[in-house]
Structures are given as C-alpha cells and as structure tokens.
C-alpha cells in the first residue's frame, strides 16, 4: 500500500490540536506539531493511543499506513513545506493574530491557515492580512466527522476537499456568524441547563440523562427537522408545526436570559459533576466516550444514516485487496469494541462475522458481487468450522486470506486464515457454500464467468495444506 505524500502542520497541541494530529496521522499524513508546552508530546501520544484504538475500528477496510509524527522547535519549522496548516491555539484574537504573522512568514506559496476557532468569524481572523479560513471541528476530532467551514470561497473549496479526504463532512456556512451552527445549538442547550441547575429543577446527572436517554439518540441519526417531521405523523412537518408551533410563545424557556455564573452556581455545577463522574479519570472518560461513539457510528454505518454515510463514502476511497503468502486478502479489519467481551477479547460470534465478510470478499473477487446477487444468484452457507488459535484484543488489525479448496459445480469450499500484525495465526475458518437461485431457493450451477473464476482459484491454490498453526486456545475468547 502506498503512502500519501502529504504534510500537515498542527500549531497548538491541546485537546483539539491533538485530535487533528491523530485524524491526519491515521489517514496517512505526516504531521509536524508545534506547541511550547513541555508535556505536548505526552498529551498528544495519549490522544493518539485513543485514536488508534477507535478510528480504524469504524471501517471494514484498512486506513492508509500511519504517517510520521514529529515535534517542531518553532512555528516556521512546523509550517515549512506543509500542505495543510491547522491552528488550534487559545481563543484569544490577539494571540491568534500574533501566531498568524509567524505562520504567514513561513507559508508555502498558495498556502492558507485553517483555524479550529470555536466562535471567531473568518473575517475577524483574517483582518491582519493572513489567509485564514475557519475549519471548526468537534471533539474528538478523530471520530466526529463534522467540520464547519467559513471564509473566502476559494479557500473554503480547498479546505472542504482536504477534510473530505480524511473522512470528515464539510459544512460550508452560507453566511458568516459568530460561533457557527453547531456551537449555537450547544450554547442554547447549555444556557437552559444552567437555569435548571440554578433554579434547583434538575442535577447535572438528571440533565445528562434527559439528553442521552431520549432526543440525543434521535439526533445522532436524523437531526432536528427529520425527527420533528416524523413526529408530525403521515401529514409530515406541516402537521407538526400546526400542533406544536403555538408552544413557541409559551414560557417554557429562559434562552433569552442567562444566569450569573456566580461562585454558588459554579460550586453547584462542580460538586454535582464530581459526584456524577469523578470516579473516572479523564483518560477513562475519553475511552468510554470513544467506545460509545464507535458503537453508535458503526450502527449508523450499517444503514448509511447521518455520520454513517460519511464513513461509507470515505471507506470507498480506502485500499482493499492484495495478497499475503500467495493467497488473496479478502478482508483487513481493526477489531471494534463492539466485537469484544467483558474481558476485552474478541468473542466467538465476531470470528464468524469476520469470516462472513471475508467470504463476501472472495465472492466479489470471482464476480459474485452485489450486482450478481441483485440479479438473483448467490452462495448460501451450509457448514462452517472455526478453530480459535490465539486471543485477539480490541484495535488489533486482522488480515484474512482465503484459499479456495473446492470450486466445482454448485459447491464452493473456502479456508480463511485470520492473521495478526505480528504474523500470528489467530483463527482459521472452513466454510462450505452452495450456489443458489434466489427465486427458487434451490441449488444451481453458478454463471459461467463465476464458475471459471472459482475453478481458476481452486487450481492456483491446490496443494496448499488447509490447516492452522499451533493448537486451539482452550478458553473462551
């Protein structure tokens, strides 16, 4: 697999800058970070550890080979030769302008600065003369796909192309506004939550429960307007507005007013938050958040809804196929947390699922692809045998090769080998399938081109022993 010869400069290595570094690195870019914090390397290393355990697990194809991470001694050193410059320093306009002057002096010709700002307009950021466009992400940057983009139209077009190439969804603002779109929604909910706390209506835990147990789940896959359209029933959005529009004038909210963040309210928020989450470290909370997001995003990926559609689109650009030890690679997949048990190991059902997708890969290789199935023919599994040879943990990238043991007539007999990155054989899976007419649900010979491709592979693979190395692991995975 070829490396992407792209270089990103990350100026500011905090939570957001570290997330950008991980997103670029895991998509094959070389990344140079500048941050005067002496702890920057440790902090970004920890963010990268989390990203390695989560981002690849969203896909059913491997991400490009990881890029090289380096830490620059100056802004100029980081920016020199960069194809992309991401500024993620503190939200102080004078500080940003000072940093922009340093960046501009070292920018390659035609380059520009992408700012992670949470609220400043691009016109304010560019008022000092530097070429700046807003590219505002959401935390964690390496998992959440949205990037809000605003500024010069030509720069926005360039920025949208880059963020799309690393698996993100560009949202180019039609008009410049402070805080953009996503943060304005978050701010509205935040203000209402602060009033509920101040007025003693709910605790931090109760407010979070109200979000995560109800509309938060709906918003993850349909957003606001589609959700409310469904609430209107068969008559749709017009019916919803007719029913609930009058409530907008009711005194339900205090969004036009803001409580004073005095010492008492700050103490209330802090003490309740400590009681809610203080038993976990920040890194534990981050890992929990990432595991939850991977599970939700992979669920959305199944249907192509919301952020799942972004993942599927990006996955189509990732490499697949190839050979290992003279056999076709039919699948390479990082083990997601959803495939693991209580002990952190990949469970039995996941091995079968991995073999299923590898069989699909072999079917595509011989021409029994989606179009073939849609035309009314496919292969049905009639027998499967799995040998569990070694434990597999979350995040491990498994490479599956497939040997055709038999490919004559209606039968297709396959032998999958699941290999860990160090070459250890994790499992083998032998499966027998019969070619089937989907209209009659009866076995039948495959189409000539599929039959010929199967016979060719069976001949090429003949004589190879279909057995796994080592003995089976005798404990539950």
Protein backbone atom coordinates (compact mmCIF):
# COMPACT_ATOMS: atom_id res chain seq x y z
CA UNK A 1 0.00 0.00 0.00
CA UNK A 2 1.43 3.37 -0.99
CA UNK A 3 1.94 6.21 1.45
CA UNK A 4 0.23 9.56 0.96
CA UNK A 5 2.95 12.17 0.46
CA UNK A 6 1.13 14.90 2.39
CA UNK A 7 2.30 17.03 5.31
CA UNK A 8 0.17 18.73 7.95
CA UNK A 9 1.38 21.34 10.44
CA UNK A 10 -0.53 21.49 13.74
CA UNK A 11 0.03 24.73 15.63
CA UNK A 12 -1.21 24.17 19.18
CA UNK A 13 -1.26 20.63 20.54
CA UNK A 14 -4.08 20.73 23.07
CA UNK A 15 -7.23 18.63 23.01
CA UNK A 16 -8.33 19.86 19.57
CA UNK A 17 -4.85 20.12 18.06
CA UNK A 18 -4.04 16.62 19.29
CA UNK A 19 -7.27 15.33 17.76
CA UNK A 20 -6.38 16.92 14.41
CA UNK A 21 -2.91 15.36 14.60
CA UNK A 22 -4.46 11.91 15.16
CA UNK A 23 -7.00 12.35 12.35
CA UNK A 24 -4.29 13.30 9.83
CA UNK A 25 -1.76 10.71 11.01
CA UNK A 26 -4.19 7.81 10.83
CA UNK A 27 -5.14 8.89 7.31
CA UNK A 28 -1.55 8.62 6.14
CA UNK A 29 -0.34 12.22 6.50
CA UNK A 30 2.98 13.16 8.07
CA UNK A 31 2.34 15.60 10.92
CA UNK A 32 4.59 18.23 12.48
CA UNK A 33 3.35 19.74 15.74
CA UNK A 34 4.44 22.98 17.36
CA UNK A 35 3.43 23.59 20.97
CA UNK A 36 5.65 25.19 23.62
CA UNK A 37 4.06 23.01 26.33
CA UNK A 38 6.82 20.63 27.55
CA UNK A 39 4.11 17.99 28.06
CA UNK A 40 2.82 18.25 24.49
CA UNK A 41 4.44 15.02 23.29
CA UNK A 42 2.97 13.01 26.19
CA UNK A 43 -0.50 14.51 25.79
CA UNK A 44 -0.65 14.01 22.04
CA UNK A 45 0.73 10.49 22.46
CA UNK A 46 -2.17 9.65 24.77
CA UNK A 47 -4.70 11.13 22.36
CA UNK A 48 -3.11 9.13 19.54
CA UNK A 49 -3.35 5.93 21.60
CA UNK A 50 -7.10 6.50 21.96
CA UNK A 51 -7.46 7.28 18.26
CA UNK A 52 -5.57 4.15 17.18
CA UNK A 53 -7.96 2.07 19.29
CA UNK A 54 -11.10 3.65 17.83
CA UNK A 55 -10.91 5.31 14.40
CA UNK A 56 -9.73 2.22 12.42
CA UNK A 57 -12.49 0.18 14.07
CA UNK A 58 -15.13 2.26 12.27
CA UNK A 59 -14.15 0.84 8.89
CA UNK A 60 -14.27 -2.50 7.14
CA UNK A 61 -11.21 -1.57 5.09
CA UNK A 62 -7.80 -0.63 6.46
CA UNK A 63 -6.83 3.01 6.78
CA UNK A 64 -3.61 4.03 4.97
CA UNK A 65 -0.28 3.31 6.68
CA UNK A 66 0.10 5.72 9.59
CA UNK A 67 2.08 8.88 8.91
CA UNK A 68 5.11 10.10 10.84
CA UNK A 69 4.69 12.38 13.86
CA UNK A 70 7.34 14.97 14.69
CA UNK A 71 7.58 17.92 17.06
CA UNK A 72 8.97 21.17 15.69
CA UNK A 73 11.05 23.68 17.65
CA UNK A 74 9.28 26.66 16.05
CA UNK A 75 6.19 27.65 14.09
CA UNK A 76 8.34 28.18 10.99
CA UNK A 77 9.85 24.70 11.24
CA UNK A 78 6.42 23.08 11.54
CA UNK A 79 4.91 25.06 8.66
CA UNK A 80 7.81 24.70 6.23
CA UNK A 81 6.66 22.51 3.33
CA UNK A 82 3.21 21.89 4.83
CA UNK A 83 0.25 21.08 2.57
CA UNK A 84 -2.14 21.95 5.41
CA UNK A 85 -1.74 24.24 8.43
CA UNK A 86 -4.20 23.84 11.32
CA UNK A 87 -4.16 26.48 14.03
CA UNK A 88 -5.60 25.36 17.37
CA UNK A 89 -4.27 27.90 19.88
CA UNK A 90 -6.31 29.50 22.68
CA UNK A 91 -9.41 31.54 21.85
CA UNK A 92 -7.77 34.97 22.17
CA UNK A 93 -7.92 37.04 19.00
CA UNK A 94 -4.69 38.92 19.69
CA UNK A 95 -2.85 35.64 20.28
CA UNK A 96 -4.21 34.16 17.05
CA UNK A 97 -3.15 37.24 15.06
CA UNK A 98 0.35 37.04 16.53
CA UNK A 99 0.59 33.35 15.60
CA UNK A 100 -0.77 34.04 12.12
CA UNK A 101 2.02 36.51 11.45
CA UNK A 102 4.56 33.81 12.29
CA UNK A 103 2.76 31.25 10.15
CA UNK A 104 2.35 33.60 7.19
CA UNK A 105 6.10 34.24 7.09
CA UNK A 106 6.71 30.51 6.56
CA UNK A 107 3.66 29.50 4.50
CA UNK A 108 4.40 27.78 1.19
CA UNK A 109 3.16 29.73 -1.84
CA UNK A 110 -0.60 29.36 -2.21
CA UNK A 111 -0.97 28.04 1.32
CA UNK A 112 -3.53 29.14 3.88
CA UNK A 113 -4.32 28.74 7.56
CA UNK A 114 -7.22 26.58 8.80
CA UNK A 115 -8.41 27.72 12.22
CA UNK A 116 -10.10 25.48 14.77
CA UNK A 117 -11.70 28.53 16.41
CA UNK A 118 -14.95 27.83 18.24
CA UNK A 119 -16.51 31.20 17.58
CA UNK A 120 -14.48 33.88 15.76
CA UNK A 121 -15.58 34.76 12.24
CA UNK A 122 -13.10 34.21 9.42
CA UNK A 123 -13.19 37.92 8.57
CA UNK A 124 -12.03 38.75 12.10
CA UNK A 125 -9.28 36.14 11.95
CA UNK A 126 -8.09 37.36 8.55
CA UNK A 127 -8.26 41.07 9.43
CA UNK A 128 -4.50 41.16 9.97
CA UNK A 129 -3.87 40.15 6.37
CA UNK A 130 -3.13 36.42 6.79
CA UNK A 131 -5.08 33.93 4.59
CA UNK A 132 -7.32 32.27 7.19
CA UNK A 133 -10.39 30.09 6.81
CA UNK A 134 -12.46 28.67 9.67
CA UNK A 135 -12.35 24.85 9.84
CA UNK A 136 -14.11 24.17 13.12
CA UNK A 137 -14.22 20.50 14.28
CA UNK A 138 -15.94 18.78 17.18
CA UNK A 139 -14.23 16.80 19.91
CA UNK A 140 -12.98 14.12 19.47
CA UNK A 141 -11.74 15.33 16.10
CA UNK A 142 -10.54 11.87 15.09
CA UNK A 143 -14.05 10.37 15.42
CA UNK A 144 -16.68 13.07 14.84
CA UNK A 145 -16.92 13.90 11.14
CA UNK A 146 -18.31 17.45 11.07
CA UNK A 147 -16.07 20.38 10.10
CA UNK A 148 -17.79 23.77 9.88
CA UNK A 149 -16.06 25.88 7.23
CA UNK A 150 -16.33 29.61 6.67
CA UNK A 151 -14.37 32.36 4.92
CA UNK A 152 -13.08 33.11 1.44
CA UNK A 153 -14.98 30.96 -1.06
CA UNK A 154 -11.88 29.68 -2.85
CA UNK A 155 -10.22 28.73 0.43
CA UNK A 156 -13.42 27.05 1.62
CA UNK A 157 -13.44 24.89 -1.51
CA UNK A 158 -9.84 23.82 -0.91
CA UNK A 159 -10.50 23.13 2.77
CA UNK A 160 -13.63 21.09 2.01
CA UNK A 161 -11.67 18.83 -0.32
CA UNK A 162 -9.00 18.11 2.26
CA UNK A 163 -11.34 17.38 5.17
CA UNK A 164 -13.41 15.10 2.93
CA UNK A 165 -10.25 13.17 2.03
CA UNK A 166 -9.61 12.38 5.71
CA UNK A 167 -13.13 11.10 6.34
CA UNK A 168 -14.87 14.26 7.56
CA UNK A 169 -18.06 16.01 6.47
CA UNK A 170 -17.55 19.65 5.42
CA UNK A 171 -20.39 22.04 6.22
CA UNK A 172 -19.69 25.35 4.43
CA UNK A 173 -21.61 28.20 6.04
CA UNK A 174 -23.82 30.25 3.73
CA UNK A 175 -23.23 33.36 5.87
CA UNK A 176 -20.63 34.35 8.43
CA UNK A 177 -21.90 34.16 12.00
CA UNK A 178 -20.19 34.03 15.36
CA UNK A 179 -19.96 30.51 16.84
CA UNK A 180 -21.22 28.97 13.57
CA UNK A 181 -24.09 26.45 13.57
CA UNK A 182 -23.24 23.56 15.88
CA UNK A 183 -21.94 25.68 18.75
CA UNK A 184 -25.02 27.89 18.66
CA UNK A 185 -27.20 24.85 19.27
CA UNK A 186 -24.91 23.64 22.04
CA UNK A 187 -24.91 27.09 23.63
CA UNK A 188 -28.71 27.19 23.66
CA UNK A 189 -28.95 23.84 25.43
CA UNK A 190 -26.12 24.84 27.80
CA UNK A 191 -27.91 28.04 28.84
CA UNK A 192 -31.16 26.22 29.53
CA UNK A 193 -29.27 23.60 31.55
CA UNK A 194 -27.61 26.30 33.67
CA UNK A 195 -31.02 27.76 34.55
CA UNK A 196 -32.34 24.33 35.53
CA UNK A 197 -29.35 23.92 37.83
CA UNK A 198 -29.66 27.39 39.31
CA UNK A 199 -33.40 27.04 39.90
CA UNK A 200 -32.96 23.61 41.50
CA UNK A 201 -35.05 21.87 38.84
CA UNK A 202 -32.52 19.18 37.94
CA UNK A 203 -28.99 17.98 38.73
CA UNK A 204 -26.16 17.55 36.24
CA UNK A 205 -26.86 13.79 36.15
CA UNK A 206 -30.58 14.27 35.53
CA UNK A 207 -29.96 16.78 32.74
CA UNK A 208 -27.47 14.44 31.05
CA UNK A 209 -29.90 11.53 31.40
CA UNK A 210 -32.66 13.57 29.74
CA UNK A 211 -30.39 14.10 26.73
CA UNK A 212 -28.70 10.73 26.36
CA UNK A 213 -31.82 8.65 27.04
CA UNK A 214 -34.05 10.42 24.54
CA UNK A 215 -33.54 13.05 21.87
CA UNK A 216 -29.75 12.70 21.87
CA UNK A 217 -30.15 9.24 20.34
CA UNK A 218 -32.59 10.53 17.74
CA UNK A 219 -30.42 13.49 16.80
CA UNK A 220 -27.42 11.23 16.18
CA UNK A 221 -29.04 9.78 13.08
CA UNK A 222 -31.75 12.19 11.93
CA UNK A 223 -31.04 15.60 13.37
CA UNK A 224 -33.75 18.08 14.31
CA UNK A 225 -36.02 18.59 11.32
CA UNK A 226 -36.29 14.96 10.21
CA UNK A 227 -37.04 13.99 13.81
CA UNK A 228 -39.86 16.53 14.04
CA UNK A 229 -41.17 15.61 10.60
CA UNK A 230 -41.75 12.06 11.87
CA UNK A 231 -43.43 13.48 14.98
CA UNK A 232 -45.98 15.09 12.66
CA UNK A 233 -47.18 11.67 11.52
CA UNK A 234 -48.35 10.97 7.98
CA UNK A 235 -49.08 14.66 7.41
CA UNK A 236 -45.41 15.47 7.98
CA UNK A 237 -43.76 18.71 9.02
CA UNK A 238 -46.75 20.94 8.37
CA UNK A 239 -48.81 18.92 10.82
CA UNK A 240 -46.05 19.09 13.42
CA UNK A 241 -45.83 22.88 13.16
CA UNK A 242 -49.60 23.25 13.37
CA UNK A 243 -49.69 21.14 16.53
CA UNK A 244 -46.62 22.41 18.36
CA UNK A 245 -45.89 25.79 16.79
CA UNK A 246 -48.04 27.66 19.36
CA UNK A 247 -45.83 26.34 22.18
CA UNK A 248 -43.04 28.63 20.97
CA UNK A 249 -44.88 31.51 22.65
CA UNK A 250 -45.33 29.64 25.91
CA UNK A 251 -43.00 30.47 28.82
CA UNK A 252 -41.09 27.18 28.62
CA UNK A 253 -37.59 28.53 28.27
CA UNK A 254 -35.20 31.17 29.54
CA UNK A 255 -32.98 31.13 26.47
CA UNK A 256 -33.18 34.90 26.15
CA UNK A 257 -31.76 35.27 29.65
CA UNK A 258 -28.54 33.94 31.16
CA UNK A 259 -27.91 33.14 34.85
CA UNK A 260 -24.91 34.71 36.53
CA UNK A 261 -22.11 32.20 36.89
CA UNK A 262 -21.51 33.27 40.47
CA UNK A 263 -19.49 31.27 43.00
CA UNK A 264 -22.57 29.43 44.27
CA UNK A 265 -23.66 28.22 40.83
CA UNK A 266 -20.11 27.24 39.88
CA UNK A 267 -19.82 25.23 43.10
CA UNK A 268 -23.16 23.53 42.39
CA UNK A 269 -22.05 22.55 38.89
CA UNK A 270 -18.60 21.38 40.02
CA UNK A 271 -19.76 19.34 43.03
CA UNK A 272 -22.56 17.63 41.10
CA UNK A 273 -20.25 16.89 38.17
CA UNK A 274 -17.68 15.41 40.58
CA UNK A 275 -20.35 13.21 42.12
CA UNK A 276 -21.51 12.16 38.65
CA UNK A 277 -18.16 11.41 37.00
CA UNK A 278 -15.34 11.95 39.49
CA UNK A 279 -14.76 8.22 39.98
CA UNK A 280 -13.19 8.05 36.50
CA UNK A 281 -10.04 9.73 35.22
CA UNK A 282 -10.18 11.95 32.14
CA UNK A 283 -8.48 9.24 30.06
CA UNK A 284 -11.03 6.67 31.27
CA UNK A 285 -13.86 9.02 30.32
CA UNK A 286 -12.30 9.62 26.91
CA UNK A 287 -12.00 5.89 26.28
CA UNK A 288 -15.60 5.34 27.38
CA UNK A 289 -16.74 8.18 25.10
CA UNK A 290 -14.77 6.74 22.17
CA UNK A 291 -16.11 3.22 22.72
CA UNK A 292 -19.67 4.55 22.79
CA UNK A 293 -19.12 6.63 19.65
CA UNK A 294 -17.62 3.68 17.78
CA UNK A 295 -20.66 1.56 18.64
CA UNK A 296 -23.09 4.30 17.59
CA UNK A 297 -21.18 5.22 14.43
CA UNK A 298 -20.82 1.59 13.32
CA UNK A 299 -24.56 1.20 13.85
CA UNK A 300 -25.20 4.25 11.66
CA UNK A 301 -22.70 2.90 9.12
CA UNK A 302 -24.88 -0.20 8.66
CA UNK A 303 -27.76 1.91 7.38
CA UNK A 304 -25.74 4.77 5.86
CA UNK A 305 -27.67 7.25 8.02
CA UNK A 306 -26.15 10.53 9.20
CA UNK A 307 -22.48 10.20 10.01
CA UNK A 308 -22.64 6.59 8.82
CA UNK A 309 -22.94 7.85 5.26
CA UNK A 310 -19.73 9.84 5.69
CA UNK A 311 -17.93 6.70 6.86
CA UNK A 312 -19.16 4.65 3.90
CA UNK A 313 -18.14 7.37 1.47
CA UNK A 314 -14.65 7.61 2.94
CA UNK A 315 -14.30 3.83 3.10
CA UNK A 316 -14.79 3.59 -0.67
CA UNK A 317 -11.59 5.61 -1.10
CA UNK A 318 -9.55 3.22 1.08
CA UNK A 319 -7.47 0.44 -0.43
CA UNK A 320 -8.57 -3.19 -0.33
CA UNK A 321 -7.42 -6.49 -1.77
CA UNK A 322 -3.83 -7.60 -2.30
CA UNK A 323 -2.11 -10.88 -1.45
CA UNK A 324 -0.39 -12.49 1.52
CA UNK A 325 1.63 -15.70 1.20
CA UNK A 326 0.26 -16.18 -2.30
CA UNK A 327 -3.39 -16.03 -1.21
CA UNK A 328 -5.87 -13.21 -1.84
CA UNK A 329 -6.56 -10.84 1.05
CA UNK A 330 -10.33 -10.82 1.30
CA UNK A 331 -10.59 -8.62 4.41
CA UNK A 332 -8.49 -6.41 6.67
CA UNK A 333 -10.28 -5.06 9.70
CA UNK A 334 -9.47 -3.46 13.02
CA UNK A 335 -11.40 -5.15 15.83
CA UNK A 336 -14.02 -2.68 17.16
CA UNK A 337 -15.06 -2.60 20.79
CA UNK A 338 -18.46 -3.96 19.72
CA UNK A 339 -16.72 -7.26 18.88
CA UNK A 340 -15.25 -7.74 22.35
CA UNK A 341 -16.47 -9.40 25.53
CA UNK A 342 -16.26 -8.46 29.21
CA UNK A 343 -12.59 -9.49 29.21
CA UNK A 344 -11.60 -7.26 26.28
CA UNK A 345 -11.08 -10.19 23.90
CA UNK A 346 -12.77 -10.69 20.54
CA UNK A 347 -15.73 -13.03 21.08
CA UNK A 348 -16.71 -16.17 19.19
CA UNK A 349 -19.53 -14.57 17.21
CA UNK A 350 -17.15 -11.93 15.88
CA UNK A 351 -14.87 -14.58 14.36
CA UNK A 352 -17.84 -15.91 12.45
CA UNK A 353 -18.80 -12.40 11.35
CA UNK A 354 -15.24 -11.75 10.19
CA UNK A 355 -15.35 -14.97 8.17
CA UNK A 356 -18.68 -13.94 6.69
CA UNK A 357 -17.26 -10.65 5.36
CA UNK A 358 -14.18 -12.48 4.07
CA UNK A 359 -16.46 -14.85 2.16
CA UNK A 360 -18.18 -11.79 0.69
CA UNK A 361 -14.74 -10.53 -0.34
CA UNK A 362 -13.98 -13.79 -2.14
CA UNK A 363 -17.39 -13.73 -3.82
CA UNK A 364 -16.67 -10.26 -5.19
CA UNK A 365 -13.28 -11.49 -6.38
CA UNK A 366 -14.89 -14.20 -8.53
CA UNK A 367 -17.67 -11.97 -9.82
CA UNK A 368 -20.48 -12.88 -7.42
CA UNK A 369 -20.72 -9.26 -6.31
CA UNK A 370 -23.67 -7.08 -5.30
CA UNK A 371 -24.90 -6.81 -8.89
CA UNK A 372 -24.74 -10.59 -9.28
CA UNK A 373 -26.79 -11.10 -6.10
CA UNK A 374 -29.27 -8.42 -7.16
CA UNK A 375 -29.75 -10.36 -10.42
CA UNK A 376 -30.94 -13.37 -8.43
CA UNK A 377 -27.96 -15.67 -7.72
CA UNK A 378 -25.75 -16.11 -4.66
CA UNK A 379 -23.92 -18.61 -2.45
CA UNK A 380 -25.55 -19.92 0.75
CA UNK A 381 -23.50 -21.22 3.69
CA UNK A 382 -24.30 -24.79 4.71
CA UNK A 383 -21.42 -25.65 7.06
CA UNK A 384 -18.77 -23.68 8.99
CA UNK A 385 -15.96 -24.84 11.29
CA UNK A 386 -13.82 -22.44 13.32
CA UNK A 387 -10.55 -23.05 15.18
CA UNK A 388 -9.64 -20.44 17.78
CA UNK A 389 -5.84 -20.31 17.95
CA UNK A 390 -4.91 -17.08 19.74
CA UNK A 391 -6.56 -14.28 21.71
CA UNK A 392 -7.36 -11.05 19.88
CA UNK A 393 -7.86 -7.69 21.60
CA UNK A 394 -9.75 -4.57 20.52
CA UNK A 395 -7.94 -2.44 17.98
CA UNK A 396 -5.95 -5.36 16.54
CA UNK A 397 -5.90 -5.27 12.74
CA UNK A 398 -6.68 -8.74 11.42
CA UNK A 399 -5.77 -9.72 7.87
CA UNK A 400 -7.89 -12.51 6.37
CA UNK A 401 -6.68 -14.57 3.42
CA UNK A 402 -8.92 -17.03 1.62
CA UNK A 403 -7.95 -20.31 -0.03
CA UNK A 404 -10.38 -21.96 -2.42
CA UNK A 405 -10.39 -25.65 -1.51
CA UNK A 406 -13.12 -26.60 -3.95
CA UNK A 407 -14.83 -24.70 -6.74
CA UNK A 408 -16.59 -27.20 -8.96
CA UNK A 409 -20.27 -27.31 -9.82
CA UNK A 410 -22.58 -25.94 -7.15
CA UNK A 411 -20.02 -26.21 -4.33
CA UNK A 412 -17.63 -23.55 -3.06
CA UNK A 413 -15.41 -24.62 -0.18
CA UNK A 414 -13.22 -21.94 1.40
CA UNK A 415 -10.50 -21.81 4.04
CA UNK A 416 -9.97 -18.45 5.76
CA UNK A 417 -6.83 -17.65 7.77
CA UNK A 418 -7.06 -14.74 10.24
CA UNK A 419 -3.60 -13.31 10.91
CA UNK A 420 -2.46 -10.73 13.49
CA UNK A 421 0.03 -7.96 12.60
CA UNK A 422 2.96 -9.96 14.03
CA UNK A 423 2.15 -12.91 11.75
CA UNK A 424 0.49 -15.00 14.45
CA UNK A 425 -2.46 -17.04 13.23
CA UNK A 426 -5.47 -16.01 15.34
CA UNK A 427 -8.01 -18.42 13.87
CA UNK A 428 -8.97 -20.46 10.84
CA UNK A 429 -12.44 -20.85 9.41
CA UNK A 430 -13.52 -23.50 6.92
CA UNK A 431 -16.84 -22.96 5.22
CA UNK A 432 -18.88 -24.83 2.62
CA UNK A 433 -21.35 -22.94 0.44
CA UNK A 434 -23.81 -23.93 -2.27
CA UNK A 435 -24.66 -21.74 -5.22
CA UNK A 436 -28.36 -20.90 -5.09
CA UNK A 437 -31.07 -19.44 -7.30
CA UNK A 438 -32.71 -16.81 -5.08
CA UNK A 439 -36.04 -17.05 -6.92
CA UNK A 440 -36.47 -20.81 -6.38
CA UNK A 441 -34.29 -21.08 -3.22
CA UNK A 442 -32.71 -24.20 -4.78
CA UNK A 443 -29.08 -25.01 -5.50
CA UNK A 444 -27.95 -24.44 -9.07
CA UNK A 445 -24.66 -24.07 -11.01
CA UNK A 446 -23.12 -20.58 -10.98
CA UNK A 447 -22.97 -18.44 -14.07
CA UNK A 448 -20.10 -19.43 -16.40
CA UNK A 449 -17.85 -16.47 -15.58
CA UNK A 450 -18.15 -17.12 -11.83
CA UNK A 451 -17.61 -20.86 -12.26
CA UNK A 452 -14.49 -20.24 -14.35
CA UNK A 453 -13.04 -17.77 -11.84
CA UNK A 454 -13.64 -20.23 -8.98
CA UNK A 455 -12.05 -23.10 -10.85
CA UNK A 456 -9.00 -20.95 -11.66
CA UNK A 457 -8.53 -20.02 -7.99
CA UNK A 458 -9.04 -23.61 -6.83
CA UNK A 459 -6.36 -24.75 -9.28
CA UNK A 460 -3.98 -21.99 -8.19
CA UNK A 461 -4.49 -22.88 -4.51
CA UNK A 462 -4.31 -26.66 -4.96
CA UNK A 463 -1.68 -28.48 -2.95
CA UNK A 464 -1.58 -25.99 -0.09
CA UNK A 465 -2.29 -27.54 3.34
CA UNK A 466 -5.55 -26.25 4.83
CA UNK A 467 -4.58 -26.33 8.46
CA UNK A 468 -3.77 -23.80 11.16
CA UNK A 469 -0.51 -23.46 13.03
CA UNK A 470 -0.44 -24.39 16.71
CA UNK A 471 -3.15 -25.78 18.95
CA UNK A 472 -6.53 -24.32 19.76
CA UNK A 473 -6.87 -21.96 22.69
CA UNK A 474 -8.87 -23.80 25.32
CA UNK A 475 -10.55 -20.81 26.95
CA UNK A 476 -13.47 -18.66 25.98
CA UNK A 477 -12.40 -15.62 23.92
